[in-house]
């Protein structure tokens, strides 16, 4: 895992280039912002920033998650072409709401949520993955002709659930800005 994440970091300057964007996201006490890139069936955290002061929440660079994990997975699925999205929804490794311990995910409800996510530009998790922690994620889009998810920007923290829309809108705006400003780096990842 460390060798692969190191290869991702060495191959791009994305971690350095994303830092100023993440610093703008992680401003509220108890929040952490990060960028994770898609690598096969997983996403790997390549950069992160925590808010200064107060209670701290963090994530390690190099940490990996299943591709469909929580708000990150929702942000990826919501912006994939329909055949790819449906293949992942039909697969055995669906973790949109965390590890459901063998319980089936309501696919109709998940599809409705992904539709809302695609309209809003961000997806959320309100304590399903970790009780007490909220998260909002938006896709990083790469590709010169056909834009598709190559990663995600996420902010998570101990903020109240009723503040999720504010954080979601900030994450979506940041992901769009990173996708536009760092397009040369992201386009090579498709």
N, C-alpha and C. Protein backbone atom coordinates (compact mmCIF):
# COMPACT_ATOMS: atom_id res chain seq x y z
N UNK A 1 0.83 -1.19 0.00
CA UNK A 1 0.00 0.00 0.00
C UNK A 1 0.87 1.25 0.00
N UNK A 2 1.89 1.30 0.86
CA UNK A 2 2.74 2.48 0.92
C UNK A 2 3.51 2.68 -0.38
N UNK A 3 3.96 1.60 -0.99
CA UNK A 3 4.69 1.73 -2.24
C UNK A 3 3.79 2.29 -3.33
N UNK A 4 2.56 1.83 -3.39
CA UNK A 4 1.63 2.31 -4.40
C UNK A 4 1.28 3.78 -4.17
N UNK A 5 0.98 4.14 -2.93
CA UNK A 5 0.65 5.53 -2.65
C UNK A 5 1.85 6.43 -2.90
N UNK A 6 3.04 5.96 -2.59
CA UNK A 6 4.26 6.73 -2.88
C UNK A 6 4.42 6.92 -4.39
N UNK A 7 4.11 5.90 -5.16
CA UNK A 7 4.20 6.00 -6.62
C UNK A 7 3.21 7.04 -7.14
N UNK A 8 2.02 7.08 -6.56
CA UNK A 8 1.05 8.09 -6.96
C UNK A 8 1.58 9.48 -6.66
N UNK A 9 2.13 9.65 -5.46
CA UNK A 9 2.66 10.95 -5.08
C UNK A 9 3.85 11.34 -5.95
N UNK A 10 4.74 10.40 -6.24
CA UNK A 10 5.91 10.70 -7.05
C UNK A 10 5.53 11.01 -8.49
N UNK A 11 4.48 10.39 -9.00
CA UNK A 11 4.09 10.53 -10.38
C UNK A 11 3.43 11.87 -10.67
N UNK A 12 2.88 12.51 -9.69
CA UNK A 12 2.18 13.78 -9.92
C UNK A 12 2.62 14.82 -8.90
N UNK A 13 2.33 16.04 -9.25
CA UNK A 13 2.54 17.14 -8.30
C UNK A 13 1.22 17.53 -7.66
N UNK A 14 0.23 16.68 -7.80
CA UNK A 14 -1.10 17.00 -7.32
C UNK A 14 -1.12 17.28 -5.82
N UNK A 15 -0.40 16.50 -5.05
CA UNK A 15 -0.41 16.69 -3.60
C UNK A 15 0.03 18.11 -3.24
N UNK A 16 1.10 18.57 -3.83
CA UNK A 16 1.58 19.93 -3.56
C UNK A 16 0.63 20.98 -4.10
N UNK A 17 0.16 20.76 -5.30
CA UNK A 17 -0.71 21.74 -5.95
C UNK A 17 -2.07 21.86 -5.25
N UNK A 18 -2.54 20.79 -4.65
CA UNK A 18 -3.85 20.80 -3.99
C UNK A 18 -3.82 21.43 -2.60
N UNK A 19 -2.66 21.53 -2.00
CA UNK A 19 -2.55 22.01 -0.62
C UNK A 19 -3.24 23.36 -0.38
N UNK A 20 -3.02 24.38 -1.21
CA UNK A 20 -3.70 25.66 -0.93
C UNK A 20 -5.22 25.55 -0.97
N UNK A 21 -5.73 24.70 -1.84
CA UNK A 21 -7.18 24.50 -1.92
C UNK A 21 -7.71 23.84 -0.65
N UNK A 22 -6.97 22.85 -0.16
CA UNK A 22 -7.38 22.14 1.05
C UNK A 22 -7.31 23.04 2.27
N UNK A 23 -6.33 23.93 2.31
CA UNK A 23 -6.22 24.86 3.44
C UNK A 23 -7.45 25.77 3.53
N UNK A 24 -8.02 26.13 2.38
CA UNK A 24 -9.23 26.96 2.37
C UNK A 24 -10.45 26.18 2.84
N UNK A 25 -10.45 24.85 2.64
CA UNK A 25 -11.59 24.02 3.06
C UNK A 25 -11.55 23.69 4.54
N UNK A 26 -10.38 23.42 5.06
CA UNK A 26 -10.25 22.98 6.45
C UNK A 26 -10.05 24.18 7.36
N UNK A 27 -11.08 24.98 7.51
CA UNK A 27 -10.97 26.19 8.33
C UNK A 27 -11.78 26.11 9.62
N UNK A 28 -12.83 25.34 9.63
CA UNK A 28 -13.65 25.22 10.83
C UNK A 28 -13.01 24.23 11.79
N UNK A 29 -12.95 24.56 13.09
CA UNK A 29 -12.41 23.59 14.04
C UNK A 29 -13.12 22.25 13.92
N UNK A 30 -12.35 21.19 14.02
CA UNK A 30 -12.94 19.86 13.93
C UNK A 30 -13.16 19.38 12.51
N UNK A 31 -12.51 20.02 11.51
CA UNK A 31 -12.65 19.55 10.14
C UNK A 31 -11.29 19.17 9.55
N UNK A 32 -11.35 18.33 8.55
CA UNK A 32 -10.17 17.91 7.80
C UNK A 32 -10.59 17.82 6.34
N UNK A 33 -9.75 18.31 5.44
CA UNK A 33 -10.02 18.23 4.01
C UNK A 33 -8.94 17.38 3.37
N UNK A 34 -9.32 16.58 2.36
CA UNK A 34 -8.32 15.76 1.69
C UNK A 34 -8.68 15.51 0.24
N UNK A 35 -7.66 15.11 -0.52
CA UNK A 35 -7.82 14.68 -1.91
C UNK A 35 -7.45 13.21 -1.96
N UNK A 36 -8.28 12.43 -2.63
CA UNK A 36 -8.01 11.00 -2.84
C UNK A 36 -8.15 10.71 -4.33
N UNK A 37 -7.26 9.88 -4.84
CA UNK A 37 -7.26 9.52 -6.26
C UNK A 37 -7.72 8.08 -6.46
N UNK A 38 -8.39 7.84 -7.57
CA UNK A 38 -8.85 6.50 -7.92
C UNK A 38 -7.67 5.71 -8.46
N UNK A 39 -7.49 4.51 -7.93
CA UNK A 39 -6.51 3.55 -8.43
C UNK A 39 -7.16 2.18 -8.38
N UNK A 40 -7.67 1.76 -9.54
CA UNK A 40 -8.35 0.47 -9.60
C UNK A 40 -9.60 0.47 -8.75
N UNK A 41 -9.76 -0.54 -7.89
CA UNK A 41 -10.99 -0.64 -7.09
C UNK A 41 -10.92 0.15 -5.78
N UNK A 42 -9.94 1.07 -5.66
CA UNK A 42 -9.80 1.81 -4.41
C UNK A 42 -9.49 3.28 -4.69
N UNK A 43 -9.60 4.09 -3.62
CA UNK A 43 -9.14 5.47 -3.66
C UNK A 43 -8.06 5.61 -2.59
N UNK A 44 -7.04 6.41 -2.92
CA UNK A 44 -5.89 6.61 -2.03
C UNK A 44 -5.78 8.09 -1.68
N UNK A 45 -5.64 8.38 -0.41
CA UNK A 45 -5.47 9.75 0.05
C UNK A 45 -4.06 10.21 -0.33
N UNK A 46 -3.99 11.34 -1.08
CA UNK A 46 -2.69 11.84 -1.52
C UNK A 46 -2.33 13.18 -0.90
N UNK A 47 -3.29 13.88 -0.32
CA UNK A 47 -3.01 15.17 0.33
C UNK A 47 -4.11 15.44 1.35
N UNK A 48 -3.74 16.14 2.43
CA UNK A 48 -4.74 16.48 3.45
C UNK A 48 -4.31 17.69 4.25
N UNK A 49 -5.30 18.36 4.84
CA UNK A 49 -5.06 19.48 5.75
C UNK A 49 -6.13 19.43 6.83
N UNK A 50 -5.71 19.70 8.07
CA UNK A 50 -6.65 19.78 9.19
C UNK A 50 -6.84 21.23 9.58
N UNK A 51 -8.00 21.52 10.15
CA UNK A 51 -8.28 22.86 10.65
C UNK A 51 -7.43 23.11 11.90
N UNK A 52 -6.94 24.31 12.04
CA UNK A 52 -6.18 24.63 13.25
C UNK A 52 -7.11 24.82 14.44
N UNK A 53 -6.63 24.47 15.62
CA UNK A 53 -7.36 24.71 16.86
C UNK A 53 -8.52 23.77 17.09
N UNK A 54 -8.99 23.75 18.32
CA UNK A 54 -10.14 22.94 18.68
C UNK A 54 -9.86 21.45 18.61
N UNK A 55 -10.93 20.68 18.63
CA UNK A 55 -10.84 19.23 18.50
C UNK A 55 -10.33 18.93 17.10
N UNK A 56 -9.44 17.98 16.98
CA UNK A 56 -8.85 17.68 15.68
C UNK A 56 -9.33 16.33 15.16
N UNK A 57 -9.65 16.29 13.87
CA UNK A 57 -9.90 15.04 13.18
C UNK A 57 -8.91 15.00 12.02
N UNK A 58 -8.45 13.82 11.69
CA UNK A 58 -7.44 13.72 10.64
C UNK A 58 -7.55 12.42 9.88
N UNK A 59 -6.79 12.34 8.83
CA UNK A 59 -6.69 11.15 8.00
C UNK A 59 -5.25 11.09 7.52
N UNK A 60 -4.74 9.91 7.31
CA UNK A 60 -3.34 9.78 6.88
C UNK A 60 -3.22 9.75 5.36
N UNK A 61 -2.20 10.44 4.86
CA UNK A 61 -1.86 10.33 3.45
C UNK A 61 -1.42 8.89 3.21
N UNK A 62 -1.87 8.30 2.12
CA UNK A 62 -1.57 6.91 1.81
C UNK A 62 -2.66 5.95 2.22
N UNK A 63 -3.61 6.42 3.04
CA UNK A 63 -4.70 5.54 3.46
C UNK A 63 -5.57 5.21 2.26
N UNK A 64 -6.10 4.02 2.22
CA UNK A 64 -6.91 3.57 1.10
C UNK A 64 -8.31 3.17 1.56
N UNK A 65 -9.26 3.35 0.64
CA UNK A 65 -10.66 3.00 0.88
C UNK A 65 -11.19 2.27 -0.34
N UNK A 66 -12.22 1.45 -0.17
CA UNK A 66 -12.88 0.87 -1.34
C UNK A 66 -13.45 2.00 -2.22
N UNK A 67 -13.50 1.79 -3.50
CA UNK A 67 -13.95 2.78 -4.47
C UNK A 67 -15.34 3.32 -4.14
N UNK A 68 -16.19 2.51 -3.56
CA UNK A 68 -17.58 2.91 -3.30
C UNK A 68 -17.81 3.36 -1.85
N UNK A 69 -16.77 3.75 -1.14
CA UNK A 69 -16.85 4.04 0.29
C UNK A 69 -17.48 5.41 0.57
N UNK A 70 -18.60 5.43 1.27
CA UNK A 70 -19.20 6.65 1.80
C UNK A 70 -19.43 7.75 0.79
N UNK A 71 -19.25 8.99 1.24
CA UNK A 71 -19.49 10.14 0.36
C UNK A 71 -18.52 10.16 -0.81
N UNK A 72 -17.31 9.63 -0.61
CA UNK A 72 -16.35 9.55 -1.73
C UNK A 72 -16.88 8.65 -2.83
N UNK A 73 -17.33 7.47 -2.45
CA UNK A 73 -17.88 6.52 -3.43
C UNK A 73 -19.10 7.06 -4.13
N UNK A 74 -19.96 7.75 -3.38
CA UNK A 74 -21.15 8.34 -3.98
C UNK A 74 -20.75 9.39 -5.02
N UNK A 75 -19.75 10.23 -4.68
CA UNK A 75 -19.31 11.28 -5.61
C UNK A 75 -18.72 10.67 -6.88
N UNK A 76 -18.04 9.56 -6.75
CA UNK A 76 -17.48 8.89 -7.92
C UNK A 76 -18.61 8.28 -8.75
N UNK A 77 -19.47 7.50 -8.12
CA UNK A 77 -20.55 6.83 -8.85
C UNK A 77 -21.50 7.82 -9.52
N UNK A 78 -21.82 8.90 -8.83
CA UNK A 78 -22.78 9.87 -9.37
C UNK A 78 -22.30 10.50 -10.67
N UNK A 79 -20.99 10.51 -10.90
CA UNK A 79 -20.45 11.19 -12.07
C UNK A 79 -19.82 10.24 -13.09
N UNK A 80 -19.99 8.94 -12.88
CA UNK A 80 -19.53 7.96 -13.86
C UNK A 80 -20.58 7.79 -14.96
N UNK A 81 -20.16 7.36 -16.14
CA UNK A 81 -21.16 6.99 -17.16
C UNK A 81 -22.07 5.90 -16.60
N UNK A 82 -23.33 5.92 -17.01
CA UNK A 82 -24.35 5.02 -16.45
C UNK A 82 -23.96 3.54 -16.48
N UNK A 83 -23.41 3.01 -17.58
CA UNK A 83 -23.06 1.58 -17.56
C UNK A 83 -22.02 1.22 -16.48
N UNK A 84 -21.04 2.08 -16.28
CA UNK A 84 -20.04 1.83 -15.24
C UNK A 84 -20.65 1.94 -13.85
N UNK A 85 -21.50 2.96 -13.66
CA UNK A 85 -22.17 3.13 -12.37
C UNK A 85 -23.02 1.92 -12.04
N UNK A 86 -23.80 1.45 -13.02
CA UNK A 86 -24.68 0.31 -12.78
C UNK A 86 -23.89 -0.97 -12.49
N UNK A 87 -22.75 -1.13 -13.15
CA UNK A 87 -21.92 -2.31 -12.88
C UNK A 87 -21.41 -2.28 -11.44
N UNK A 88 -21.01 -1.12 -10.95
CA UNK A 88 -20.55 -1.01 -9.57
C UNK A 88 -21.70 -1.20 -8.58
N UNK A 89 -22.87 -0.66 -8.91
CA UNK A 89 -24.03 -0.84 -8.03
C UNK A 89 -24.44 -2.31 -7.94
N UNK A 90 -24.22 -3.06 -9.00
CA UNK A 90 -24.59 -4.47 -9.02
C UNK A 90 -23.52 -5.36 -8.39
N UNK A 91 -22.36 -4.80 -8.14
CA UNK A 91 -21.24 -5.60 -7.63
C UNK A 91 -21.34 -5.90 -6.14
N UNK A 92 -20.46 -6.79 -5.68
CA UNK A 92 -20.50 -7.22 -4.29
C UNK A 92 -19.86 -6.22 -3.32
N UNK A 93 -19.05 -5.29 -3.83
CA UNK A 93 -18.32 -4.37 -2.96
C UNK A 93 -18.94 -2.99 -2.98
N UNK A 94 -20.13 -2.88 -2.43
CA UNK A 94 -20.85 -1.62 -2.39
C UNK A 94 -20.87 -1.11 -0.95
N UNK A 95 -20.12 -0.03 -0.71
CA UNK A 95 -19.95 0.49 0.65
C UNK A 95 -20.41 1.94 0.77
N UNK A 96 -21.47 2.31 0.07
CA UNK A 96 -21.95 3.68 0.09
C UNK A 96 -22.32 4.14 1.50
N UNK A 97 -22.73 3.21 2.33
CA UNK A 97 -23.15 3.53 3.70
C UNK A 97 -22.26 2.82 4.71
N UNK A 98 -21.02 2.55 4.32
CA UNK A 98 -20.09 1.84 5.17
C UNK A 98 -20.21 0.35 4.97
N UNK A 99 -19.63 -0.39 5.87
CA UNK A 99 -19.71 -1.84 5.81
C UNK A 99 -21.06 -2.25 6.40
N UNK A 100 -21.98 -2.63 5.54
CA UNK A 100 -23.33 -2.96 5.99
C UNK A 100 -23.44 -4.40 6.50
N UNK A 101 -22.30 -5.06 6.65
CA UNK A 101 -22.22 -6.41 7.23
C UNK A 101 -23.18 -7.39 6.55
N UNK A 102 -23.12 -7.41 5.23
CA UNK A 102 -23.91 -8.37 4.47
C UNK A 102 -25.34 -7.96 4.19
N UNK A 103 -25.80 -6.86 4.77
CA UNK A 103 -27.17 -6.39 4.49
C UNK A 103 -27.19 -5.76 3.10
N UNK A 104 -28.26 -6.01 2.38
CA UNK A 104 -28.41 -5.46 1.04
C UNK A 104 -28.65 -3.95 1.10
N UNK A 105 -28.05 -3.24 0.16
CA UNK A 105 -28.28 -1.80 0.02
C UNK A 105 -29.53 -1.61 -0.83
N UNK A 106 -30.38 -0.69 -0.44
CA UNK A 106 -31.56 -0.36 -1.23
C UNK A 106 -31.09 0.39 -2.47
N UNK A 107 -30.99 -0.32 -3.59
CA UNK A 107 -30.42 0.25 -4.81
C UNK A 107 -31.27 1.36 -5.39
N UNK A 108 -32.59 1.27 -5.27
CA UNK A 108 -33.44 2.35 -5.77
C UNK A 108 -33.19 3.64 -4.99
N UNK A 109 -33.09 3.52 -3.67
CA UNK A 109 -32.79 4.69 -2.84
C UNK A 109 -31.39 5.23 -3.16
N UNK A 110 -30.44 4.34 -3.36
CA UNK A 110 -29.07 4.77 -3.71
C UNK A 110 -29.06 5.51 -5.04
N UNK A 111 -29.78 5.00 -6.02
CA UNK A 111 -29.86 5.67 -7.33
C UNK A 111 -30.48 7.06 -7.20
N UNK A 112 -31.53 7.18 -6.39
CA UNK A 112 -32.15 8.50 -6.17
C UNK A 112 -31.16 9.45 -5.51
N UNK A 113 -30.41 8.95 -4.53
CA UNK A 113 -29.42 9.79 -3.86
C UNK A 113 -28.31 10.21 -4.83
N UNK A 114 -27.86 9.30 -5.69
CA UNK A 114 -26.82 9.64 -6.66
C UNK A 114 -27.33 10.67 -7.67
N UNK A 115 -28.60 10.60 -8.02
CA UNK A 115 -29.18 11.60 -8.93
C UNK A 115 -29.16 12.99 -8.28
N UNK A 116 -29.51 13.05 -7.01
CA UNK A 116 -29.45 14.33 -6.28
C UNK A 116 -28.01 14.81 -6.21
N UNK A 117 -27.09 13.90 -5.93
CA UNK A 117 -25.67 14.25 -5.87
C UNK A 117 -25.20 14.87 -7.18
N UNK A 118 -25.57 14.28 -8.29
CA UNK A 118 -25.11 14.79 -9.58
C UNK A 118 -25.68 16.18 -9.85
N UNK A 119 -26.88 16.47 -9.38
CA UNK A 119 -27.45 17.83 -9.54
C UNK A 119 -26.75 18.84 -8.64
N UNK A 120 -26.48 18.44 -7.39
CA UNK A 120 -25.85 19.35 -6.43
C UNK A 120 -24.36 19.55 -6.70
N UNK A 121 -23.71 18.53 -7.24
CA UNK A 121 -22.26 18.58 -7.45
C UNK A 121 -21.46 18.00 -6.30
N UNK A 122 -22.14 17.50 -5.28
CA UNK A 122 -21.46 16.88 -4.13
C UNK A 122 -22.36 15.82 -3.52
N UNK A 123 -21.73 14.94 -2.74
CA UNK A 123 -22.44 13.86 -2.04
C UNK A 123 -22.09 13.93 -0.56
N UNK A 124 -22.92 13.34 0.27
CA UNK A 124 -22.72 13.46 1.71
C UNK A 124 -22.78 12.10 2.42
N UNK A 125 -22.27 12.11 3.61
CA UNK A 125 -22.45 11.00 4.55
C UNK A 125 -22.72 11.65 5.91
N UNK A 126 -23.85 11.36 6.47
CA UNK A 126 -24.22 11.96 7.76
C UNK A 126 -24.12 10.91 8.87
N UNK A 127 -22.90 10.58 9.22
CA UNK A 127 -22.66 9.68 10.33
C UNK A 127 -22.84 8.20 10.05
N UNK A 128 -23.05 7.79 8.79
CA UNK A 128 -23.18 6.36 8.50
C UNK A 128 -21.83 5.65 8.64
N UNK A 129 -20.78 6.27 8.14
CA UNK A 129 -19.45 5.66 8.19
C UNK A 129 -18.91 5.68 9.61
N UNK A 130 -18.98 6.84 10.24
CA UNK A 130 -18.50 6.99 11.62
C UNK A 130 -19.50 7.88 12.36
N UNK A 131 -20.23 7.33 13.31
CA UNK A 131 -21.20 8.16 14.04
C UNK A 131 -20.53 9.41 14.62
N UNK A 132 -21.21 10.54 14.42
CA UNK A 132 -20.69 11.82 14.93
C UNK A 132 -19.85 12.59 13.92
N UNK A 133 -19.48 11.93 12.83
CA UNK A 133 -18.71 12.61 11.78
C UNK A 133 -19.55 12.74 10.52
N UNK A 134 -19.57 13.94 9.97
CA UNK A 134 -20.25 14.22 8.71
C UNK A 134 -19.19 14.40 7.62
N UNK A 135 -19.54 14.09 6.38
CA UNK A 135 -18.60 14.25 5.27
C UNK A 135 -19.33 14.71 4.03
N UNK A 136 -18.63 15.50 3.22
CA UNK A 136 -19.12 15.92 1.91
C UNK A 136 -17.98 15.73 0.93
N UNK A 137 -18.28 15.14 -0.23
CA UNK A 137 -17.27 14.88 -1.25
C UNK A 137 -17.78 15.33 -2.61
N UNK A 138 -16.83 15.75 -3.45
CA UNK A 138 -17.14 16.13 -4.83
C UNK A 138 -16.04 15.55 -5.72
N UNK A 139 -16.41 15.21 -6.96
CA UNK A 139 -15.44 14.56 -7.83
C UNK A 139 -14.42 15.52 -8.42
N UNK A 140 -13.20 15.02 -8.57
CA UNK A 140 -12.20 15.67 -9.40
C UNK A 140 -12.36 15.07 -10.78
N UNK A 141 -12.55 15.91 -11.78
CA UNK A 141 -12.82 15.41 -13.13
C UNK A 141 -11.60 15.64 -14.02
N UNK A 142 -11.21 14.59 -14.71
CA UNK A 142 -10.11 14.65 -15.65
C UNK A 142 -10.57 14.15 -17.01
N UNK A 143 -9.73 14.33 -18.00
CA UNK A 143 -10.05 13.88 -19.36
C UNK A 143 -10.24 15.07 -20.27
N UNK A 144 -9.59 15.04 -21.38
CA UNK A 144 -9.65 16.17 -22.31
C UNK A 144 -10.99 16.25 -23.03
N UNK A 145 -11.50 15.12 -23.46
CA UNK A 145 -12.73 15.11 -24.24
C UNK A 145 -13.92 14.74 -23.36
N UNK A 146 -13.84 13.60 -22.72
CA UNK A 146 -14.91 13.14 -21.84
C UNK A 146 -14.43 13.29 -20.40
N UNK A 147 -15.08 14.19 -19.67
CA UNK A 147 -14.72 14.41 -18.27
C UNK A 147 -15.26 13.26 -17.43
N UNK A 148 -14.40 12.71 -16.58
CA UNK A 148 -14.82 11.60 -15.72
C UNK A 148 -14.06 11.69 -14.40
N UNK A 149 -14.60 11.09 -13.34
CA UNK A 149 -13.93 11.15 -12.05
C UNK A 149 -12.56 10.47 -12.06
N UNK A 150 -11.57 11.17 -11.53
CA UNK A 150 -10.24 10.60 -11.32
C UNK A 150 -9.90 10.60 -9.84
N UNK A 151 -10.74 11.24 -9.05
CA UNK A 151 -10.53 11.32 -7.61
C UNK A 151 -11.65 12.13 -6.98
N UNK A 152 -11.44 12.49 -5.72
CA UNK A 152 -12.43 13.26 -4.98
C UNK A 152 -11.75 14.25 -4.05
N UNK A 153 -12.50 15.30 -3.73
CA UNK A 153 -12.14 16.22 -2.65
C UNK A 153 -13.18 15.99 -1.58
N UNK A 154 -12.74 15.85 -0.34
CA UNK A 154 -13.65 15.58 0.78
C UNK A 154 -13.33 16.50 1.94
N UNK A 155 -14.36 16.95 2.61
CA UNK A 155 -14.20 17.58 3.91
C UNK A 155 -15.06 16.78 4.89
N UNK A 156 -14.49 16.47 6.05
CA UNK A 156 -15.27 15.75 7.05
C UNK A 156 -14.95 16.35 8.41
N UNK A 157 -15.86 16.13 9.34
CA UNK A 157 -15.62 16.66 10.67
C UNK A 157 -16.79 16.49 11.60
N UNK A 158 -16.67 17.16 12.73
CA UNK A 158 -17.63 17.04 13.81
C UNK A 158 -18.72 18.12 13.74
N UNK A 159 -18.81 18.82 12.61
CA UNK A 159 -19.82 19.86 12.47
C UNK A 159 -21.22 19.25 12.50
N UNK A 160 -22.22 20.06 12.87
CA UNK A 160 -23.60 19.53 12.94
C UNK A 160 -24.12 19.13 11.56
N UNK A 161 -24.94 18.10 11.48
CA UNK A 161 -25.49 17.65 10.20
C UNK A 161 -26.20 18.76 9.42
N UNK A 162 -26.82 19.71 10.13
CA UNK A 162 -27.54 20.77 9.42
C UNK A 162 -26.61 21.74 8.69
N UNK A 163 -25.31 21.63 8.90
CA UNK A 163 -24.33 22.46 8.17
C UNK A 163 -23.77 21.77 6.94
N UNK A 164 -24.26 20.58 6.61
CA UNK A 164 -23.68 19.79 5.51
C UNK A 164 -23.79 20.50 4.16
N UNK A 165 -24.89 21.20 3.91
CA UNK A 165 -25.04 21.87 2.61
C UNK A 165 -23.98 22.95 2.41
N UNK A 166 -23.68 23.69 3.46
CA UNK A 166 -22.65 24.73 3.36
C UNK A 166 -21.30 24.09 3.02
N UNK A 167 -20.96 23.02 3.72
CA UNK A 167 -19.70 22.33 3.45
C UNK A 167 -19.72 21.67 2.07
N UNK A 168 -20.85 21.10 1.70
CA UNK A 168 -20.97 20.46 0.39
C UNK A 168 -20.76 21.43 -0.75
N UNK A 169 -21.37 22.61 -0.64
CA UNK A 169 -21.20 23.62 -1.69
C UNK A 169 -19.75 24.08 -1.78
N UNK A 170 -19.09 24.24 -0.65
CA UNK A 170 -17.68 24.63 -0.65
C UNK A 170 -16.81 23.54 -1.28
N UNK A 171 -17.10 22.28 -0.96
CA UNK A 171 -16.34 21.16 -1.53
C UNK A 171 -16.56 21.10 -3.04
N UNK A 172 -17.79 21.25 -3.49
CA UNK A 172 -18.09 21.20 -4.92
C UNK A 172 -17.36 22.32 -5.66
N UNK A 173 -17.39 23.53 -5.10
CA UNK A 173 -16.69 24.65 -5.74
C UNK A 173 -15.19 24.40 -5.79
N UNK A 174 -14.64 23.86 -4.71
CA UNK A 174 -13.21 23.57 -4.67
C UNK A 174 -12.84 22.48 -5.66
N UNK A 175 -13.65 21.44 -5.76
CA UNK A 175 -13.35 20.36 -6.71
C UNK A 175 -13.40 20.88 -8.14
N UNK A 176 -14.36 21.74 -8.45
CA UNK A 176 -14.43 22.33 -9.80
C UNK A 176 -13.19 23.18 -10.07
N UNK A 177 -12.78 23.96 -9.08
CA UNK A 177 -11.60 24.82 -9.24
C UNK A 177 -10.33 23.98 -9.43
N UNK A 178 -10.16 22.95 -8.63
CA UNK A 178 -9.00 22.07 -8.80
C UNK A 178 -9.04 21.40 -10.16
N UNK A 179 -10.22 20.90 -10.56
CA UNK A 179 -10.35 20.24 -11.85
C UNK A 179 -9.98 21.18 -13.00
N UNK A 180 -10.36 22.44 -12.88
CA UNK A 180 -10.03 23.42 -13.93
C UNK A 180 -8.56 23.85 -13.88
N UNK A 181 -8.10 24.23 -12.72
CA UNK A 181 -6.74 24.78 -12.60
C UNK A 181 -5.64 23.73 -12.73
N UNK A 182 -5.95 22.51 -12.33
CA UNK A 182 -4.94 21.45 -12.38
C UNK A 182 -5.29 20.41 -13.45
N UNK A 183 -5.97 20.85 -14.49
CA UNK A 183 -6.44 19.92 -15.51
C UNK A 183 -5.31 19.13 -16.16
N UNK A 184 -4.15 19.73 -16.35
CA UNK A 184 -3.04 19.01 -16.97
C UNK A 184 -2.63 17.81 -16.12
N UNK A 185 -2.61 17.98 -14.81
CA UNK A 185 -2.27 16.86 -13.92
C UNK A 185 -3.37 15.80 -13.93
N UNK A 186 -4.62 16.25 -13.87
CA UNK A 186 -5.75 15.31 -13.78
C UNK A 186 -6.02 14.60 -15.10
N UNK A 187 -5.82 15.28 -16.22
CA UNK A 187 -6.08 14.66 -17.52
C UNK A 187 -5.21 13.44 -17.75
N UNK A 188 -4.01 13.45 -17.22
CA UNK A 188 -3.12 12.31 -17.37
C UNK A 188 -3.50 11.11 -16.53
N UNK A 189 -4.47 11.25 -15.67
CA UNK A 189 -4.88 10.17 -14.77
C UNK A 189 -6.06 9.38 -15.30
N UNK A 190 -6.64 9.82 -16.40
CA UNK A 190 -7.81 9.12 -16.96
C UNK A 190 -7.37 7.86 -17.67
